[in-house]
Full PDB file with SEQRES, HELIX, SHEET, SSBOND, CRYST1, ORIGX, SCALE, CONECT and MASTER records, all heavy atoms in Angstrom:
SEQRES   1 A   38  LEU GLY LEU PRO PRO ALA THR THR GLU THR LEU ARG THR          
SEQRES   2 A   38  VAL ILE ALA ALA GLY ASP TRP ARG GLY VAL GLU GLY ILE          
SEQRES   3 A   38  LEU PHE GLU ALA ALA SER GLY ASN PRO ASP SER ALA              
HELIX    1 AA1 PRO A    5  ALA A   16  1                                  12    
HELIX    2 AA2 TRP A   20  GLY A   33  1                                  14    
CRYST1    1.000    1.000    1.000  90.00  90.00  90.00 P 1           1          
ORIGX1      1.000000  0.000000  0.000000        0.00000                         
ORIGX2      0.000000  1.000000  0.000000        0.00000                         
ORIGX3      0.000000  0.000000  1.000000        0.00000                         
SCALE1      1.000000  0.000000  0.000000        0.00000                         
SCALE2      0.000000  1.000000  0.000000        0.00000                         
SCALE3      0.000000  0.000000  1.000000        0.00000                         
ATOM      1  N   LEU A   1       0.807  -1.224   0.001  1.00  0.00           N  
ATOM      2  CA  LEU A   1      -0.003  -0.002   0.000  1.00  0.00           C  
ATOM      3  C   LEU A   1       0.839   1.278   0.005  1.00  0.00           C  
ATOM      4  O   LEU A   1       0.306   2.381   0.047  1.00  0.00           O  
ATOM      5  CB  LEU A   1      -0.937  -0.004   1.219  1.00  0.00           C  
ATOM      6  CG  LEU A   1      -1.956  -1.135   1.254  1.00  0.00           C  
ATOM      7  CD1 LEU A   1      -2.793  -1.057   2.526  1.00  0.00           C  
ATOM      8  CD2 LEU A   1      -2.840  -1.112   0.021  1.00  0.00           C  
ATOM      9  N   GLY A   2       2.151   1.114  -0.030  1.00  0.00           N  
ATOM     10  CA  GLY A   2       3.017   2.292  -0.063  1.00  0.00           C  
ATOM     11  C   GLY A   2       3.110   3.047   1.237  1.00  0.00           C  
ATOM     12  O   GLY A   2       3.434   4.240   1.241  1.00  0.00           O  
ATOM     13  N   LEU A   3       2.840   2.388   2.338  1.00  0.00           N  
ATOM     14  CA  LEU A   3       2.876   3.027   3.652  1.00  0.00           C  
ATOM     15  C   LEU A   3       4.274   2.911   4.256  1.00  0.00           C  
ATOM     16  O   LEU A   3       5.040   2.013   3.902  1.00  0.00           O  
ATOM     17  CB  LEU A   3       1.855   2.365   4.583  1.00  0.00           C  
ATOM     18  CG  LEU A   3       0.402   2.422   4.106  1.00  0.00           C  
ATOM     19  CD1 LEU A   3      -0.490   1.590   5.027  1.00  0.00           C  
ATOM     20  CD2 LEU A   3      -0.084   3.861   4.053  1.00  0.00           C  
ATOM     21  N   PRO A   4       4.613   3.784   5.194  1.00  0.00           N  
ATOM     22  CA  PRO A   4       5.898   3.656   5.890  1.00  0.00           C  
ATOM     23  C   PRO A   4       6.000   2.311   6.596  1.00  0.00           C  
ATOM     24  O   PRO A   4       4.980   1.746   7.013  1.00  0.00           O  
ATOM     25  CB  PRO A   4       5.884   4.811   6.901  1.00  0.00           C  
ATOM     26  CG  PRO A   4       4.915   5.783   6.325  1.00  0.00           C  
ATOM     27  CD  PRO A   4       3.864   4.971   5.622  1.00  0.00           C  
ATOM     28  N   PRO A   5       7.199   1.768   6.741  1.00  0.00           N  
ATOM     29  CA  PRO A   5       7.361   0.454   7.338  1.00  0.00           C  
ATOM     30  C   PRO A   5       6.683   0.307   8.706  1.00  0.00           C  
ATOM     31  O   PRO A   5       6.042  -0.726   8.980  1.00  0.00           O  
ATOM     32  CB  PRO A   5       8.886   0.300   7.465  1.00  0.00           C  
ATOM     33  CG  PRO A   5       9.423   1.162   6.365  1.00  0.00           C  
ATOM     34  CD  PRO A   5       8.470   2.328   6.267  1.00  0.00           C  
ATOM     35  N   ALA A   6       6.795   1.309   9.559  1.00  0.00           N  
ATOM     36  CA  ALA A   6       6.189   1.216  10.888  1.00  0.00           C  
ATOM     37  C   ALA A   6       4.665   1.140  10.784  1.00  0.00           C  
ATOM     38  O   ALA A   6       4.008   0.372  11.502  1.00  0.00           O  
ATOM     39  CB  ALA A   6       6.601   2.406  11.747  1.00  0.00           C  
ATOM     40  N   THR A   7       4.102   1.937   9.874  1.00  0.00           N  
ATOM     41  CA  THR A   7       2.653   1.923   9.674  1.00  0.00           C  
ATOM     42  C   THR A   7       2.188   0.589   9.111  1.00  0.00           C  
ATOM     43  O   THR A   7       1.148   0.036   9.510  1.00  0.00           O  
ATOM     44  CB  THR A   7       2.214   3.062   8.750  1.00  0.00           C  
ATOM     45  OG1 THR A   7       2.694   4.295   9.265  1.00  0.00           O  
ATOM     46  CG2 THR A   7       0.715   3.114   8.615  1.00  0.00           C  
ATOM     47  N   THR A   8       2.984   0.055   8.172  1.00  0.00           N  
ATOM     48  CA  THR A   8       2.653  -1.248   7.589  1.00  0.00           C  
ATOM     49  C   THR A   8       2.613  -2.327   8.647  1.00  0.00           C  
ATOM     50  O   THR A   8       1.682  -3.150   8.692  1.00  0.00           O  
ATOM     51  CB  THR A   8       3.669  -1.609   6.514  1.00  0.00           C  
ATOM     52  OG1 THR A   8       3.627  -0.638   5.460  1.00  0.00           O  
ATOM     53  CG2 THR A   8       3.398  -2.995   5.932  1.00  0.00           C  
ATOM     54  N   GLU A   9       3.591  -2.323   9.528  1.00  0.00           N  
ATOM     55  CA  GLU A   9       3.641  -3.347  10.574  1.00  0.00           C  
ATOM     56  C   GLU A   9       2.469  -3.187  11.531  1.00  0.00           C  
ATOM     57  O   GLU A   9       1.855  -4.178  11.959  1.00  0.00           O  
ATOM     58  CB  GLU A   9       4.959  -3.247  11.332  1.00  0.00           C  
ATOM     59  CG  GLU A   9       5.189  -4.385  12.325  1.00  0.00           C  
ATOM     60  CD  GLU A   9       5.133  -5.750  11.665  1.00  0.00           C  
ATOM     61  OE1 GLU A   9       5.573  -5.888  10.501  1.00  0.00           O  
ATOM     62  OE2 GLU A   9       4.624  -6.707  12.324  1.00  0.00           O  
ATOM     63  N   THR A  10       2.139  -1.941  11.883  1.00  0.00           N  
ATOM     64  CA  THR A  10       0.995  -1.708  12.761  1.00  0.00           C  
ATOM     65  C   THR A  10      -0.288  -2.193  12.096  1.00  0.00           C  
ATOM     66  O   THR A  10      -1.142  -2.819  12.742  1.00  0.00           O  
ATOM     67  CB  THR A  10       0.890  -0.211  13.091  1.00  0.00           C  
ATOM     68  OG1 THR A  10       2.071   0.219  13.746  1.00  0.00           O  
ATOM     69  CG2 THR A  10      -0.326   0.050  13.968  1.00  0.00           C  
ATOM     70  N   LEU A  11      -0.425  -1.911  10.800  1.00  0.00           N  
ATOM     71  CA  LEU A  11      -1.620  -2.326  10.071  1.00  0.00           C  
ATOM     72  C   LEU A  11      -1.758  -3.839  10.065  1.00  0.00           C  
ATOM     73  O   LEU A  11      -2.836  -4.378  10.299  1.00  0.00           O  
ATOM     74  CB  LEU A  11      -1.553  -1.798   8.636  1.00  0.00           C  
ATOM     75  CG  LEU A  11      -2.749  -2.125   7.737  1.00  0.00           C  
ATOM     76  CD1 LEU A  11      -4.042  -1.575   8.315  1.00  0.00           C  
ATOM     77  CD2 LEU A  11      -2.496  -1.553   6.331  1.00  0.00           C  
ATOM     78  N   ARG A  12      -0.657  -4.542   9.821  1.00  0.00           N  
ATOM     79  CA  ARG A  12      -0.707  -5.998   9.830  1.00  0.00           C  
ATOM     80  C   ARG A  12      -1.140  -6.520  11.190  1.00  0.00           C  
ATOM     81  O   ARG A  12      -1.940  -7.458  11.299  1.00  0.00           O  
ATOM     82  CB  ARG A  12       0.668  -6.555   9.456  1.00  0.00           C  
ATOM     83  CG  ARG A  12       1.057  -6.365   8.003  1.00  0.00           C  
ATOM     84  CD  ARG A  12       2.525  -6.706   7.779  1.00  0.00           C  
ATOM     85  NE  ARG A  12       2.790  -8.118   8.082  1.00  0.00           N  
ATOM     86  CZ  ARG A  12       2.794  -9.085   7.155  1.00  0.00           C  
ATOM     87  NH1 ARG A  12       2.523  -8.793   5.901  1.00  0.00           N  
ATOM     88  NH2 ARG A  12       3.073 -10.318   7.504  1.00  0.00           N  
ATOM     89  N   THR A  13      -0.631  -5.916  12.244  1.00  0.00           N  
ATOM     90  CA  THR A  13      -0.973  -6.351  13.611  1.00  0.00           C  
ATOM     91  C   THR A  13      -2.438  -6.117  13.918  1.00  0.00           C  
ATOM     92  O   THR A  13      -3.121  -6.982  14.484  1.00  0.00           O  
ATOM     93  CB  THR A  13      -0.099  -5.600  14.623  1.00  0.00           C  
ATOM     94  OG1 THR A  13       1.286  -5.857  14.365  1.00  0.00           O  
ATOM     95  CG2 THR A  13      -0.450  -6.017  16.055  1.00  0.00           C  
ATOM     96  N   VAL A  14      -2.944  -4.954  13.508  1.00  0.00           N  
ATOM     97  CA  VAL A  14      -4.347  -4.620  13.789  1.00  0.00           C  
ATOM     98  C   VAL A  14      -5.293  -5.520  12.992  1.00  0.00           C  
ATOM     99  O   VAL A  14      -6.341  -5.953  13.491  1.00  0.00           O  
ATOM    100  CB  VAL A  14      -4.601  -3.140  13.501  1.00  0.00           C  
ATOM    101  CG1 VAL A  14      -6.059  -2.780  13.706  1.00  0.00           C  
ATOM    102  CG2 VAL A  14      -3.747  -2.268  14.403  1.00  0.00           C  
ATOM    103  N   ILE A  15      -4.926  -5.821  11.740  1.00  0.00           N  
ATOM    104  CA  ILE A  15      -5.740  -6.732  10.943  1.00  0.00           C  
ATOM    105  C   ILE A  15      -5.793  -8.102  11.611  1.00  0.00           C  
ATOM    106  O   ILE A  15      -6.862  -8.724  11.744  1.00  0.00           O  
ATOM    107  CB  ILE A  15      -5.184  -6.848   9.504  1.00  0.00           C  
ATOM    108  CG1 ILE A  15      -5.439  -5.559   8.722  1.00  0.00           C  
ATOM    109  CG2 ILE A  15      -5.835  -8.034   8.782  1.00  0.00           C  
ATOM    110  CD1 ILE A  15      -4.792  -5.535   7.362  1.00  0.00           C  
ATOM    111  N   ALA A  16      -4.644  -8.603  12.025  1.00  0.00           N  
ATOM    112  CA  ALA A  16      -4.581  -9.925  12.650  1.00  0.00           C  
ATOM    113  C   ALA A  16      -5.412  -9.965  13.928  1.00  0.00           C  
ATOM    114  O   ALA A  16      -5.975 -11.015  14.272  1.00  0.00           O  
ATOM    115  CB  ALA A  16      -3.119 -10.273  12.966  1.00  0.00           C  
ATOM    116  N   ALA A  17      -5.516  -8.835  14.610  1.00  0.00           N  
ATOM    117  CA  ALA A  17      -6.323  -8.786  15.839  1.00  0.00           C  
ATOM    118  C   ALA A  17      -7.809  -8.627  15.578  1.00  0.00           C  
ATOM    119  O   ALA A  17      -8.622  -8.721  16.496  1.00  0.00           O  
ATOM    120  CB  ALA A  17      -5.818  -7.638  16.719  1.00  0.00           C  
ATOM    121  N   GLY A  18      -8.167  -8.405  14.321  1.00  0.00           N  
ATOM    122  CA  GLY A  18      -9.571  -8.222  13.984  1.00  0.00           C  
ATOM    123  C   GLY A  18     -10.134  -6.882  14.430  1.00  0.00           C  
ATOM    124  O   GLY A  18     -11.351  -6.734  14.547  1.00  0.00           O  
ATOM    125  N   ASP A  19      -9.280  -5.912  14.662  1.00  0.00           N  
ATOM    126  CA  ASP A  19      -9.722  -4.588  15.092  1.00  0.00           C  
ATOM    127  C   ASP A  19      -9.993  -3.741  13.858  1.00  0.00           C  
ATOM    128  O   ASP A  19      -9.173  -2.918  13.449  1.00  0.00           O  
ATOM    129  CB  ASP A  19      -8.651  -3.948  15.979  1.00  0.00           C  
ATOM    130  CG  ASP A  19      -9.007  -2.544  16.432  1.00  0.00           C  
ATOM    131  OD1 ASP A  19     -10.160  -2.110  16.212  1.00  0.00           O  
ATOM    132  OD2 ASP A  19      -8.130  -1.849  17.014  1.00  0.00           O  
ATOM    133  N   TRP A  20     -11.197  -3.898  13.268  1.00  0.00           N  
ATOM    134  CA  TRP A  20     -11.450  -3.243  11.995  1.00  0.00           C  
ATOM    135  C   TRP A  20     -11.675  -1.756  12.125  1.00  0.00           C  
ATOM    136  O   TRP A  20     -11.420  -0.996  11.188  1.00  0.00           O  
ATOM    137  CB  TRP A  20     -12.624  -3.937  11.302  1.00  0.00           C  
ATOM    138  CG  TRP A  20     -12.220  -5.328  10.956  1.00  0.00           C  
ATOM    139  CD1 TRP A  20     -12.621  -6.484  11.543  1.00  0.00           C  
ATOM    140  CD2 TRP A  20     -11.246  -5.702   9.991  1.00  0.00           C  
ATOM    141  NE1 TRP A  20     -11.974  -7.558  11.013  1.00  0.00           N  
ATOM    142  CE2 TRP A  20     -11.115  -7.110  10.041  1.00  0.00           C  
ATOM    143  CE3 TRP A  20     -10.459  -4.985   9.090  1.00  0.00           C  
ATOM    144  CZ2 TRP A  20     -10.241  -7.799   9.222  1.00  0.00           C  
ATOM    145  CZ3 TRP A  20      -9.594  -5.681   8.258  1.00  0.00           C  
ATOM    146  CH2 TRP A  20      -9.492  -7.075   8.349  1.00  0.00           C  
ATOM    147  N   ARG A  21     -12.129  -1.301  13.273  1.00  0.00           N  
ATOM    148  CA  ARG A  21     -12.197   0.147  13.482  1.00  0.00           C  
ATOM    149  C   ARG A  21     -10.783   0.733  13.488  1.00  0.00           C  
ATOM    150  O   ARG A  21     -10.545   1.838  12.979  1.00  0.00           O  
ATOM    151  CB  ARG A  21     -12.924   0.457  14.786  1.00  0.00           C  
ATOM    152  CG  ARG A  21     -14.403   0.030  14.795  1.00  0.00           C  
ATOM    153  CD  ARG A  21     -15.191   0.803  13.750  1.00  0.00           C  
ATOM    154  NE  ARG A  21     -16.572   0.341  13.638  1.00  0.00           N  
ATOM    155  CZ  ARG A  21     -17.578   0.813  14.358  1.00  0.00           C  
ATOM    156  NH1 ARG A  21     -17.344   1.748  15.269  1.00  0.00           N  
ATOM    157  NH2 ARG A  21     -18.795   0.370  14.200  1.00  0.00           N  
ATOM    158  N   GLY A  22      -9.868   0.000  14.095  1.00  0.00           N  
ATOM    159  CA  GLY A  22      -8.478   0.445  14.075  1.00  0.00           C  
ATOM    160  C   GLY A  22      -7.900   0.456  12.680  1.00  0.00           C  
ATOM    161  O   GLY A  22      -7.174   1.387  12.305  1.00  0.00           O  
ATOM    162  N   VAL A  23      -8.234  -0.579  11.895  1.00  0.00           N  
ATOM    163  CA  VAL A  23      -7.761  -0.628  10.514  1.00  0.00           C  
ATOM    164  C   VAL A  23      -8.336   0.543   9.730  1.00  0.00           C  
ATOM    165  O   VAL A  23      -7.623   1.192   8.949  1.00  0.00           O  
ATOM    166  CB  VAL A  23      -8.189  -1.975   9.866  1.00  0.00           C  
ATOM    167  CG1 VAL A  23      -7.804  -1.981   8.385  1.00  0.00           C  
ATOM    168  CG2 VAL A  23      -7.533  -3.146  10.587  1.00  0.00           C  
ATOM    169  N   GLU A  24      -9.621   0.819   9.936  1.00  0.00           N  
ATOM    170  CA  GLU A  24     -10.244   1.967   9.282  1.00  0.00           C  
ATOM    171  C   GLU A  24      -9.480   3.261   9.578  1.00  0.00           C  
ATOM    172  O   GLU A  24      -9.231   4.055   8.681  1.00  0.00           O  
ATOM    173  CB  GLU A  24     -11.673   2.153   9.770  1.00  0.00           C  
ATOM    174  CG  GLU A  24     -12.719   1.261   9.155  1.00  0.00           C  
ATOM    175  CD  GLU A  24     -14.092   1.615   9.673  1.00  0.00           C  
ATOM    176  OE1 GLU A  24     -14.322   1.504  10.890  1.00  0.00           O  
ATOM    177  OE2 GLU A  24     -14.955   1.985   8.859  1.00  0.00           O  
ATOM    178  N   GLY A  25      -9.150   3.456  10.852  1.00  0.00           N  
ATOM    179  CA  GLY A  25      -8.470   4.677  11.227  1.00  0.00           C  
ATOM    180  C   GLY A  25      -7.132   4.844  10.524  1.00  0.00           C  
ATOM    181  O   GLY A  25      -6.826   5.931  10.008  1.00  0.00           O  
ATOM    182  N   ILE A  26      -6.365   3.776  10.492  1.00  0.00           N  
ATOM    183  CA  ILE A  26      -5.048   3.833   9.833  1.00  0.00           C  
ATOM    184  C   ILE A  26      -5.204   4.128   8.354  1.00  0.00           C  
ATOM    185  O   ILE A  26      -4.522   5.009   7.787  1.00  0.00           O  
ATOM    186  CB  ILE A  26      -4.298   2.502  10.048  1.00  0.00           C  
ATOM    187  CG1 ILE A  26      -3.948   2.313  11.537  1.00  0.00           C  
ATOM    188  CG2 ILE A  26      -3.021   2.473   9.196  1.00  0.00           C  
ATOM    189  CD1 ILE A  26      -3.419   0.930  11.860  1.00  0.00           C  
ATOM    190  N   LEU A  27      -6.103   3.402   7.701  1.00  0.00           N  
ATOM    191  CA  LEU A  27      -6.249   3.537   6.251  1.00  0.00           C  
ATOM    192  C   LEU A  27      -6.945   4.840   5.867  1.00  0.00           C  
ATOM    193  O   LEU A  27      -6.651   5.429   4.826  1.00  0.00           O  
ATOM    194  CB  LEU A  27      -7.014   2.333   5.691  1.00  0.00           C  
ATOM    195  CG  LEU A  27      -6.260   1.014   5.756  1.00  0.00           C  
ATOM    196  CD1 LEU A  27      -7.149  -0.136   5.321  1.00  0.00           C  
ATOM    197  CD2 LEU A  27      -5.010   1.053   4.866  1.00  0.00           C  
ATOM    198  N   PHE A  28      -7.863   5.308   6.700  1.00  0.00           N  
ATOM    199  CA  PHE A  28      -8.528   6.593   6.411  1.00  0.00           C  
ATOM    200  C   PHE A  28      -7.518   7.724   6.427  1.00  0.00           C  
ATOM    201  O   PHE A  28      -7.518   8.608   5.536  1.00  0.00           O  
ATOM    202  CB  PHE A  28      -9.640   6.853   7.425  1.00  0.00           C  
ATOM    203  CG  PHE A  28     -10.412   8.098   7.139  1.00  0.00           C  
ATOM    204  CD1 PHE A  28     -11.425   8.102   6.209  1.00  0.00           C  
ATOM    205  CD2 PHE A  28     -10.114   9.290   7.798  1.00  0.00           C  
ATOM    206  CE1 PHE A  28     -12.134   9.262   5.934  1.00  0.00           C  
ATOM    207  CE2 PHE A  28     -10.817  10.463   7.530  1.00  0.00           C  
ATOM    208  CZ  PHE A  28     -11.844  10.439   6.591  1.00  0.00           C  
ATOM    209  N   GLU A  29      -6.647   7.700   7.431  1.00  0.00           N  
ATOM    210  CA  GLU A  29      -5.619   8.746   7.510  1.00  0.00           C  
ATOM    211  C   GLU A  29      -4.679   8.676   6.320  1.00  0.00           C  
ATOM    212  O   GLU A  29      -4.308   9.686   5.716  1.00  0.00           O  
ATOM    213  CB  GLU A  29      -4.840   8.588   8.818  1.00  0.00           C  
ATOM    214  CG  GLU A  29      -3.786   9.672   9.017  1.00  0.00           C  
ATOM    215  CD  GLU A  29      -3.080   9.560  10.342  1.00  0.00           C  
ATOM    216  OE1 GLU A  29      -3.489   8.724  11.173  1.00  0.00           O  
ATOM    217  OE2 GLU A  29      -2.087  10.301  10.555  1.00  0.00           O  
ATOM    218  N   ALA A  30      -4.300   7.434   5.949  1.00  0.00           N  
ATOM    219  CA  ALA A  30      -3.392   7.264   4.823  1.00  0.00           C  
ATOM    220  C   ALA A  30      -4.055   7.714   3.525  1.00  0.00           C  
ATOM    221  O   ALA A  30      -3.430   8.392   2.690  1.00  0.00           O  
ATOM    222  CB  ALA A  30      -2.957   5.805   4.722  1.00  0.00           C  
ATOM    223  N   ALA A  31      -5.320   7.348   3.323  1.00  0.00           N  
ATOM    224  CA  ALA A  31      -6.024   7.724   2.099  1.00  0.00           C  
ATOM    225  C   ALA A  31      -6.283   9.219   2.028  1.00  0.00           C  
ATOM    226  O   ALA A  31      -6.289   9.816   0.958  1.00  0.00           O  
ATOM    227  CB  ALA A  31      -7.333   6.938   1.984  1.00  0.00           C  
ATOM    228  N   SER A  32      -6.500   9.831   3.174  1.00  0.00           N  
ATOM    229  CA  SER A  32      -6.709  11.282   3.190  1.00  0.00           C  
ATOM    230  C   SER A  32      -5.461  12.005   2.730  1.00  0.00           C  
ATOM    231  O   SER A  32      -5.545  13.044   2.067  1.00  0.00           O  
ATOM    232  CB  SER A  32      -7.080  11.730   4.616  1.00  0.00           C  
ATOM    233  OG  SER A  32      -8.318  11.166   5.008  1.00  0.00           O  
ATOM    234  N   GLY A  33      -4.311  11.451   3.068  1.00  0.00           N  
ATOM    235  CA  GLY A  33      -3.056  12.066   2.661  1.00  0.00           C  
ATOM    236  C   GLY A  33      -2.681  11.725   1.230  1.00  0.00           C  
ATOM    237  O   GLY A  33      -1.791  12.368   0.650  1.00  0.00           O  
ATOM    238  N   ASN A  34      -3.335  10.715   0.658  1.00  0.00           N  
ATOM    239  CA  ASN A  34      -3.028  10.295  -0.724  1.00  0.00           C  
ATOM    240  C   ASN A  34      -4.338   9.870  -1.390  1.00  0.00           C  
ATOM    241  O   ASN A  34      -4.581   8.694  -1.648  1.00  0.00           O  
ATOM    242  CB  ASN A  34      -2.029   9.126  -0.702  1.00  0.00           C  
ATOM    243  CG  ASN A  34      -1.499   8.802  -2.089  1.00  0.00           C  
ATOM    244  OD1 ASN A  34      -1.894   9.429  -3.076  1.00  0.00           O  
ATOM    245  ND2 ASN A  34      -0.635   7.812  -2.179  1.00  0.00           N  
ATOM    246  N   PRO A  35      -5.226  10.830  -1.687  1.00  0.00           N  
ATOM    247  CA  PRO A  35      -6.569  10.508  -2.188  1.00  0.00           C  
ATOM    248  C   PRO A  35      -6.624   9.917  -3.588  1.00  0.00           C  
ATOM    249  O   PRO A  35      -7.673   9.464  -4.023  1.00  0.00           O  
ATOM    250  CB  PRO A  35      -7.293  11.868  -2.147  1.00  0.00           C  
ATOM    251  CG  PRO A  35      -6.176  12.877  -2.271  1.00  0.00           C  
ATOM    252  CD  PRO A  35      -5.008  12.274  -1.544  1.00  0.00           C  
ATOM    253  N   ASP A  36      -5.475   9.921  -4.295  1.00  0.00           N  
ATOM    254  CA  ASP A  36      -5.451   9.375  -5.638  1.00  0.00           C  
ATOM    255  C   ASP A  36      -4.842   7.975  -5.684  1.00  0.00           C  
ATOM    256  O   ASP A  36      -4.473   7.474  -6.763  1.00  0.00           O  
ATOM    257  CB  ASP A  36      -4.669  10.307  -6.580  1.00  0.00           C  
ATOM    258  CG  ASP A  36      -5.370  11.623  -6.777  1.00  0.00           C  
ATOM    259  OD1 ASP A  36      -6.621  11.628  -6.770  1.00  0.00           O  
ATOM    260  OD2 ASP A  36      -4.677  12.648  -6.913  1.00  0.00           O  
ATOM    261  N   SER A  37      -4.734   7.333  -4.515  1.00  0.00           N  
ATOM    262  CA  SER A  37      -4.174   5.987  -4.460  1.00  0.00           C  
ATOM    263  C   SER A  37      -5.302   4.961  -4.536  1.00  0.00           C  
ATOM    264  O   SER A  37      -6.034   4.760  -3.546  1.00  0.00           O  
ATOM    265  CB  SER A  37      -3.351   5.795  -3.183  1.00  0.00           C  
ATOM    266  OG  SER A  37      -2.998   4.433  -3.042  1.00  0.00           O  
ATOM    267  N   ALA A  38      -5.425   4.295  -5.664  1.00  0.00           N  
ATOM    268  CA  ALA A  38      -6.461   3.262  -5.805  1.00  0.00           C  
ATOM    269  C   ALA A  38      -6.267   2.117  -4.828  1.00  0.00           C  
ATOM    270  O   ALA A  38      -7.239   1.646  -4.222  1.00  0.00           O  
ATOM    271  CB  ALA A  38      -6.492   2.749  -7.256  1.00  0.00           C  
TER     272      ALA A  38                                                      
MASTER        0    0    0    2    0    0    0    6  271    1    0    3          
END                                                                             
């Protein structure tokens, strides 16, 4: 997804934990900063 390594690792951990609200938060912030990333 082109995220910084630390963010990528956090995202993987949150997905594995099934914390989808947490995943939303990470990805929403990332997409807001890069709105043209499909």
